[in-house]
Each structure stands twice: as C-alpha cells, then as structure tokens.
Amino acid sequence: MIQQIYIIDNDLKLINLFNELFKNEKEYSFQRVKTEEIDIALRDIPSLIIINEDNIDEEIIKLCTKIRENEDNSITPIIVISSNKEKEHKVEILKTDVEYYIKKPIDPDFLYYTVYNMVKLMYRNRRVSPLTGLPGNVQIQAEIKKRLLKKESFAIFYFDLDNFKAYNDVYGFVKGDEIIKFTAKTISKIIHNINCENTFIGHIGGDDFIAIVSNADYEKICQDIILEFDTNITKYFTETDINRGYIEVANRKGIIEDFPLITISIGVVEVDKDRFKNTLEIGEIGAGVKHLAKTTLGSTYVINRRKK
C-alpha cells in the first residue's frame, strides 16, 4: 500500500531532498502543499505530515493544532523541521501532540530513518489484528472516506465465512485462527495478482474482511477467490468430515446438529463518484448484499452494481 506523505512547505528544496532519499522506496509518495493548501493534505488523510517551519505562512502552533483537531487526522503523525533551536519553542510545539521535532541543519541519514521508522511504526500500530497483519477499522474507514472525497470510482468487497462458529465449537479456537489466516492469505493472493496498483485489503475483525479495488473485473475476482478458497479449505477438516460433507455440533440442549463445511460469502458494492455521500451509506448496502450472498448455500457472491 502506498504511504502518502504531505510536506507543508512553500519551498521545493525539502521535497526534492525527500524524493532523492526515497527514490528506491516505491511505496512512499511525497507531495508538497503550500500553507494555504493545508486542507488538501487533511482531506486525503495521509500517512504522515511534515512541516517545514521556516517556510510557512502560518504560525506553527496554530497550524499543528489545526491538524490535530481535524477528526480524520487525529492520529496522523506530524514532524516539524525547524531552524529554531530554543528549547521552549520546541516544547511548545511538542505540546500540540507533534510526534517529532527535527532541528536544522538536516542530516540526510537521520531524516531518512526518522521518517521511515515512523511510518512503519504507525502502520504496525494501526493494525487491529496481529493474526493477519492486515489494516484494521481505523485505516479501513480512512481509506473509504479518502476515496469518496477524491470522487474515485471503485468497488468494495465484503467477505464473511459461513458456519465458522460451528467450526470453532468442534475444532477449537486455535484451529479457527488458522482458518482466519488462510482466508486472509487467499483474499490477498487473488487481489494482489490482478493488474491494479490501487488496491486495499483490511481485516474488520473475526471472520470479516474487506477489499477495495478499482477498474477491474470484479466478477472474476469473486470467482477466483471462491475457487481458491473452496479448493484449499478442506485441508482444515478431518477426512471423516470431508467425506460426509458436514460437521456435527451439539447445541446447548445436547442435541446434535449438522452444519456444512465452511464456505465464503462475498458482497460487492460498486461505488461511483456521485452514488454515495458517506461510508455509512456504503456499509448499509454492503451489509445487504453480503446477507443476500449468505442466503445461498455454498460459497457465492452478489454484486450491487452502479446505476448506469
């Protein structure tokens, strides 16, 4: 996933330095905005904001406070670069919840690793599931919101496992975790194999996943994921359960109930630039198409297509 970093600076020297330092890091994208264009940076919800205090038109404390008070960027890391060496000044800036203060002159190696390590740390901390290593709800919501604000056209895939609770009851949570990791790898494998750079995969929690894809054959993606999933899911069942095609689970009253083997349901919502106003509207449609997919026995998908 591309790490978008905005540099608040009225001069080009700093961004030229970053582009040179990170020329071999293709997942890092640097963009300069002038002080009066700060709303552009906030709208896009970047991975990191860097402010060159020496070349801005606004008072630094006011600017940092504005960024931190923005709801969508309340956890976006901020680095301030300045030639001001006074301790009191530095402390006042750090009080605004700025993560790092770098004094000039700038050491290129120090700057590189400060930015590199901060972005990596931020990415790890935003992960909701150490089990799958996929971004969680904070990044999921930010990613959808960012694309809506930029009026992009894309599709959101909602994934849910069928009969997963029954599997946990029989095989245990350790085996259940293996199913979760298998599902994450299956989705990631297919999504990453398509010819599209602007993709995103997230783990909502439990057995729920999400993927965002632009300009691709959404139907084929669903078919490929289902084929990959159904082909390999049997590795997590005993031969007895595979041969009979279901597992037996005792309910609270001790009565044995039969549940089919785990399958995957996929609901897809196509998003046009003017179709939805916010993430809640998309989520409501997504829940509906995923529920419709789950009413069909076996692995299946339903696509809610954009209006022509």
Protein backbone atom coordinates (compact mmCIF):
# COMPACT_ATOMS: atom_id res chain seq x y z
CA MET A 1 0.00 0.00 0.00
CA ILE A 2 1.30 3.45 -0.95
CA GLN A 3 2.33 5.60 2.04
CA GLN A 4 1.26 9.12 1.14
CA ILE A 5 3.29 11.82 2.90
CA TYR A 6 2.49 15.53 2.68
CA ILE A 7 5.12 18.23 3.18
CA ILE A 8 3.76 21.62 4.24
CA ASP A 9 6.32 23.92 2.70
CA ASN A 10 6.33 26.96 0.42
CA ASP A 11 9.72 25.95 -0.98
CA LEU A 12 10.84 23.00 -3.15
CA LYS A 13 14.18 22.16 -1.53
CA LEU A 14 12.82 19.84 1.15
CA ILE A 15 10.59 17.75 -1.09
CA ASN A 16 13.44 17.43 -3.58
CA LEU A 17 15.57 16.06 -0.76
CA PHE A 18 12.89 13.53 0.23
CA ASN A 19 12.41 12.40 -3.36
CA GLU A 20 16.13 11.78 -3.59
CA LEU A 21 16.37 9.99 -0.23
CA PHE A 22 13.40 7.71 -1.02
CA LYS A 23 13.99 7.22 -4.74
CA ASN A 24 14.30 3.45 -4.24
CA GLU A 25 11.26 3.17 -1.94
CA LYS A 26 8.39 2.86 -4.40
CA GLU A 27 5.73 2.59 -1.68
CA TYR A 28 6.47 6.12 -0.42
CA SER A 29 4.86 9.08 -2.18
CA PHE A 30 5.78 12.67 -1.23
CA GLN A 31 3.68 15.67 -2.14
CA ARG A 32 4.30 19.31 -1.31
CA VAL A 33 1.46 21.68 -0.46
CA LYS A 34 1.69 25.34 0.41
CA THR A 35 0.48 26.59 3.78
CA GLU A 36 -2.82 27.85 2.38
CA GLU A 37 -3.44 24.41 0.84
CA ILE A 38 -3.36 22.53 4.15
CA ASP A 39 -6.97 21.43 3.67
CA ILE A 40 -5.85 19.36 0.68
CA ALA A 41 -3.49 17.36 2.88
CA LEU A 42 -6.11 16.91 5.59
CA ARG A 43 -8.73 15.79 3.10
CA ASP A 44 -6.52 12.99 1.76
CA ILE A 45 -5.74 11.63 5.26
CA PRO A 46 -2.01 10.99 4.65
CA SER A 47 0.25 8.54 6.43
CA LEU A 48 2.43 11.40 7.71
CA ILE A 49 2.55 15.21 7.65
CA ILE A 50 5.88 17.06 7.67
CA ILE A 51 6.01 20.81 8.28
CA ASN A 52 8.97 22.99 7.33
CA GLU A 53 8.50 25.75 9.90
CA ASP A 54 10.98 28.09 8.20
CA ASN A 55 8.88 28.23 5.03
CA ILE A 56 5.23 28.51 6.07
CA ASP A 57 2.90 31.49 6.21
CA GLU A 58 1.04 30.45 9.36
CA GLU A 59 2.13 30.39 12.99
CA ILE A 60 3.40 26.89 13.71
CA ILE A 61 1.43 26.25 16.92
CA LYS A 62 -1.80 27.27 15.23
CA LEU A 63 -1.06 25.07 12.23
CA CYS A 64 -0.20 21.98 14.30
CA THR A 65 -3.31 22.49 16.43
CA LYS A 66 -5.47 22.72 13.30
CA ILE A 67 -4.12 19.42 12.03
CA ARG A 68 -4.52 17.63 15.33
CA GLU A 69 -8.08 18.88 15.84
CA ASN A 70 -9.13 17.55 12.44
CA GLU A 71 -11.17 14.44 13.19
CA ASP A 72 -9.84 12.38 10.30
CA ASN A 73 -6.21 13.21 11.12
CA SER A 74 -6.33 12.97 14.91
CA ILE A 75 -3.79 10.12 14.80
CA THR A 76 -1.81 11.20 11.73
CA PRO A 77 1.84 11.63 12.85
CA ILE A 78 3.38 15.11 12.48
CA ILE A 79 7.06 16.01 12.11
CA VAL A 80 8.19 19.63 12.42
CA ILE A 81 11.51 20.64 10.85
CA SER A 82 12.88 23.98 12.06
CA SER A 83 16.00 26.09 12.46
CA ASN A 84 14.69 27.37 15.81
CA LYS A 85 16.92 25.79 18.47
CA GLU A 86 15.22 27.26 21.55
CA LYS A 87 14.10 24.58 23.98
CA GLU A 88 10.95 26.48 24.96
CA HIS A 89 9.86 26.71 21.34
CA LYS A 90 10.40 23.01 20.80
CA VAL A 91 8.47 22.11 23.94
CA GLU A 92 5.51 24.32 22.96
CA ILE A 93 5.30 22.56 19.61
CA LEU A 94 5.51 19.10 21.18
CA LYS A 95 2.65 20.08 23.49
CA THR A 96 0.37 20.15 20.45
CA ASP A 97 0.89 16.37 20.12
CA VAL A 98 3.53 16.66 17.41
CA GLU A 99 5.47 13.39 17.33
CA TYR A 100 8.91 14.67 16.34
CA TYR A 101 10.88 17.91 16.14
CA ILE A 102 13.96 17.95 13.90
CA LYS A 103 16.43 20.84 14.14
CA LYS A 104 18.30 22.16 11.15
CA PRO A 105 20.78 21.67 9.63
CA ILE A 106 19.33 18.37 8.47
CA ASP A 107 21.37 15.21 8.43
CA PRO A 108 20.02 13.21 5.43
CA ASP A 109 20.51 9.77 7.03
CA PHE A 110 18.85 10.87 10.27
CA LEU A 111 15.93 12.35 8.33
CA TYR A 112 15.50 9.23 6.21
CA TYR A 113 15.36 6.79 9.10
CA THR A 114 13.18 9.05 11.22
CA VAL A 115 10.52 9.19 8.52
CA TYR A 116 10.95 5.55 7.50
CA ASN A 117 10.68 4.22 11.06
CA MET A 118 7.78 6.49 11.99
CA VAL A 119 5.69 5.37 9.03
CA LYS A 120 6.48 1.72 9.75
CA LEU A 121 5.56 2.15 13.41
CA MET A 122 2.34 3.95 12.55
CA TYR A 123 1.39 1.20 10.12
CA ARG A 124 2.02 -1.52 12.70
CA ASN A 125 0.10 0.29 15.42
CA ARG A 126 -2.95 0.75 13.22
CA ARG A 127 -3.21 -2.96 12.60
CA VAL A 128 -6.13 -4.33 14.51
CA SER A 129 -5.18 -7.99 14.09
CA PRO A 130 -1.72 -9.38 14.76
CA LEU A 131 -3.20 -12.63 13.46
CA THR A 132 -3.46 -11.49 9.83
CA GLY A 133 -1.23 -8.39 9.76
CA LEU A 134 -3.91 -6.55 7.77
CA PRO A 135 -5.05 -2.95 8.44
CA GLY A 136 -7.99 -2.60 10.80
CA ASN A 137 -11.05 -0.40 11.09
CA VAL A 138 -9.17 2.90 11.51
CA GLN A 139 -7.44 2.53 8.16
CA ILE A 140 -10.45 0.90 6.51
CA GLN A 141 -12.69 3.87 7.28
CA ALA A 142 -9.96 6.36 6.35
CA GLU A 143 -9.35 4.60 3.03
CA ILE A 144 -13.02 4.59 2.04
CA LYS A 145 -13.50 8.20 3.15
CA LYS A 146 -10.41 9.33 1.24
CA ARG A 147 -11.65 7.74 -1.99
CA LEU A 148 -15.10 9.25 -1.56
CA LEU A 149 -13.63 12.72 -1.01
CA LYS A 150 -11.46 12.32 -4.10
CA LYS A 151 -14.58 11.21 -6.04
CA GLU A 152 -12.99 7.99 -7.22
CA SER A 153 -14.85 5.07 -8.75
CA PHE A 154 -14.14 1.74 -7.05
CA ALA A 155 -15.69 -1.42 -5.64
CA ILE A 156 -15.77 -2.64 -2.04
CA PHE A 157 -15.72 -6.39 -1.40
CA TYR A 158 -17.19 -7.61 1.90
CA PHE A 159 -16.13 -11.15 2.90
CA ASP A 160 -17.72 -13.34 5.55
CA LEU A 161 -17.30 -17.02 6.40
CA ASP A 162 -20.32 -19.32 6.65
CA ASN A 163 -20.56 -21.84 9.54
CA PHE A 164 -17.38 -20.52 11.15
CA LYS A 165 -18.82 -20.58 14.69
CA ALA A 166 -19.73 -24.24 14.31
CA TYR A 167 -16.16 -24.97 13.20
CA ASN A 168 -14.77 -23.23 16.30
CA ASP A 169 -17.12 -25.24 18.53
CA VAL A 170 -15.81 -28.52 17.11
CA TYR A 171 -12.18 -27.83 16.25
CA GLY A 172 -11.34 -25.11 18.79
CA PHE A 173 -10.17 -21.50 18.54
CA VAL A 174 -6.57 -22.37 17.63
CA LYS A 175 -7.76 -24.16 14.51
CA GLY A 176 -10.22 -21.33 13.95
CA ASP A 177 -7.35 -18.86 13.90
CA GLU A 178 -5.72 -20.93 11.17
CA ILE A 179 -8.89 -20.55 9.10
CA ILE A 180 -8.77 -16.77 9.60
CA LYS A 181 -5.15 -16.63 8.44
CA PHE A 182 -5.93 -18.88 5.48
CA THR A 183 -8.80 -16.60 4.46
CA ALA A 184 -6.59 -13.50 4.68
CA LYS A 185 -3.91 -15.15 2.53
CA THR A 186 -6.48 -16.31 -0.02
CA ILE A 187 -8.01 -12.86 -0.44
CA SER A 188 -4.59 -11.19 -0.55
CA LYS A 189 -3.24 -13.65 -3.11
CA ILE A 190 -6.06 -13.06 -5.60
CA ILE A 191 -6.30 -9.29 -5.07
CA HIS A 192 -2.54 -8.81 -5.43
CA ASN A 193 -2.47 -10.86 -8.62
CA ILE A 194 -4.76 -8.53 -10.53
CA ASN A 195 -3.28 -5.78 -12.68
CA CYS A 196 -4.26 -2.90 -10.41
CA GLU A 197 -1.98 -0.87 -8.13
CA ASN A 198 -4.69 0.98 -6.22
CA THR A 199 -5.89 -1.89 -4.02
CA PHE A 200 -6.55 -2.17 -0.29
CA ILE A 201 -7.25 -5.20 1.92
CA GLY A 202 -8.42 -4.91 5.52
CA HIS A 203 -9.47 -7.13 8.41
CA ILE A 204 -12.66 -5.82 10.00
CA GLY A 205 -12.43 -8.40 12.77
CA GLY A 206 -13.21 -12.07 13.38
CA ASP A 207 -14.07 -13.72 10.07
CA ASP A 208 -14.99 -10.45 8.34
CA PHE A 209 -12.69 -8.93 5.73
CA ILE A 210 -12.85 -6.11 3.22
CA ALA A 211 -11.08 -5.26 -0.03
CA ILE A 212 -11.16 -2.13 -2.19
CA VAL A 213 -10.38 -2.42 -5.88
CA SER A 214 -10.60 -0.01 -8.82
CA ASN A 215 -11.08 -0.64 -12.53
CA ALA A 216 -11.01 -4.43 -12.54
CA ASP A 217 -13.19 -7.42 -13.42
CA TYR A 218 -14.98 -7.65 -10.07
CA GLU A 219 -16.91 -10.78 -11.02
CA LYS A 220 -13.73 -12.66 -11.93
CA ILE A 221 -12.10 -11.61 -8.65
CA CYS A 222 -15.05 -13.15 -6.74
CA GLN A 223 -14.89 -16.33 -8.82
CA ASP A 224 -11.12 -16.70 -8.35
CA ILE A 225 -11.33 -16.18 -4.58
CA ILE A 226 -14.13 -18.73 -4.25
CA LEU A 227 -12.24 -21.27 -6.37
CA GLU A 228 -9.04 -20.78 -4.32
CA PHE A 229 -10.97 -20.91 -1.04
CA ASP A 230 -13.09 -23.98 -1.82
CA THR A 231 -10.09 -25.87 -3.23
CA ASN A 232 -7.97 -25.47 -0.09
CA ILE A 233 -10.42 -25.17 2.82
CA THR A 234 -10.71 -28.95 3.12
CA LYS A 235 -7.14 -29.04 4.49
CA TYR A 236 -8.55 -27.80 7.78
CA PHE A 237 -11.10 -30.60 8.22
CA THR A 238 -10.76 -34.25 9.16
CA GLU A 239 -11.21 -36.85 6.47
CA THR A 240 -14.40 -38.02 8.17
CA ASP A 241 -15.99 -34.57 7.99
CA ILE A 242 -14.85 -34.08 4.40
CA ASN A 243 -16.35 -37.42 3.26
CA ARG A 244 -19.75 -36.76 4.80
CA GLY A 245 -19.73 -33.07 3.83
CA TYR A 246 -20.71 -31.64 7.19
CA ILE A 247 -19.69 -31.44 10.86
CA GLU A 248 -21.75 -32.45 13.88
CA VAL A 249 -22.20 -29.92 16.69
CA ALA A 250 -24.03 -30.41 19.99
CA ASN A 251 -26.28 -27.45 20.80
CA ARG A 252 -26.98 -26.14 24.32
CA LYS A 253 -29.58 -28.85 24.87
CA GLY A 254 -27.17 -31.59 23.85
CA ILE A 255 -28.92 -32.23 20.57
CA ILE A 256 -26.58 -32.94 17.64
CA GLU A 257 -26.95 -30.57 14.70
CA ASP A 258 -25.38 -30.81 11.26
CA PHE A 259 -23.51 -27.86 9.73
CA PRO A 260 -21.99 -27.71 6.23
CA LEU A 261 -18.25 -27.22 5.82
CA ILE A 262 -17.03 -23.61 5.87
CA THR A 263 -17.75 -21.59 2.76
CA ILE A 264 -17.20 -17.92 1.89
CA SER A 265 -19.81 -15.30 1.05
CA ILE A 266 -18.86 -12.14 -0.86
CA GLY A 267 -20.92 -8.99 -1.21
CA VAL A 268 -19.65 -6.35 -3.63
CA VAL A 269 -20.72 -2.72 -3.86
CA GLU A 270 -19.71 -0.67 -6.88
CA VAL A 271 -19.14 2.97 -5.95
CA ASP A 272 -19.48 5.83 -8.40
CA LYS A 273 -18.26 9.32 -7.56
CA ASP A 274 -21.83 10.58 -7.05
CA ARG A 275 -23.56 7.42 -5.83
CA PHE A 276 -22.87 7.61 -2.08
CA LYS A 277 -22.45 10.54 0.29
CA ASN A 278 -20.60 8.76 3.12
CA THR A 279 -19.22 5.46 4.39
CA LEU A 280 -22.42 4.65 6.31
CA GLU A 281 -24.46 4.53 3.11
CA ILE A 282 -21.95 2.17 1.54
CA GLY A 283 -21.90 0.00 4.65
CA GLU A 284 -25.68 -0.39 4.62
CA ILE A 285 -25.69 -1.57 1.01
CA GLY A 286 -22.68 -3.79 1.71
CA ALA A 287 -24.41 -5.48 4.64
CA GLY A 288 -27.41 -6.13 2.42
CA VAL A 289 -25.55 -7.75 -0.47
CA LYS A 290 -23.41 -9.82 1.91
CA HIS A 291 -26.56 -11.05 3.66
CA LEU A 292 -28.08 -11.93 0.29
CA ALA A 293 -24.96 -13.92 -0.59
CA LYS A 294 -25.16 -15.80 2.72
CA THR A 295 -28.73 -16.95 1.98
CA THR A 296 -27.39 -19.13 -0.83
CA LEU A 297 -25.87 -22.48 0.16
CA GLY A 298 -22.17 -22.79 -0.55
CA SER A 299 -19.59 -20.19 -1.50
CA THR A 300 -21.20 -17.43 -3.52
CA TYR A 301 -21.12 -13.74 -4.36
CA VAL A 302 -23.58 -10.93 -5.04
CA ILE A 303 -22.65 -7.66 -6.76
CA ASN A 304 -24.62 -4.48 -6.23
CA ARG A 305 -23.78 -2.67 -9.45
CA ARG A 306 -23.60 1.07 -10.00
CA LYS A 307 -26.55 2.73 -11.67
CA LYS A 308 -25.95 3.42 -15.34
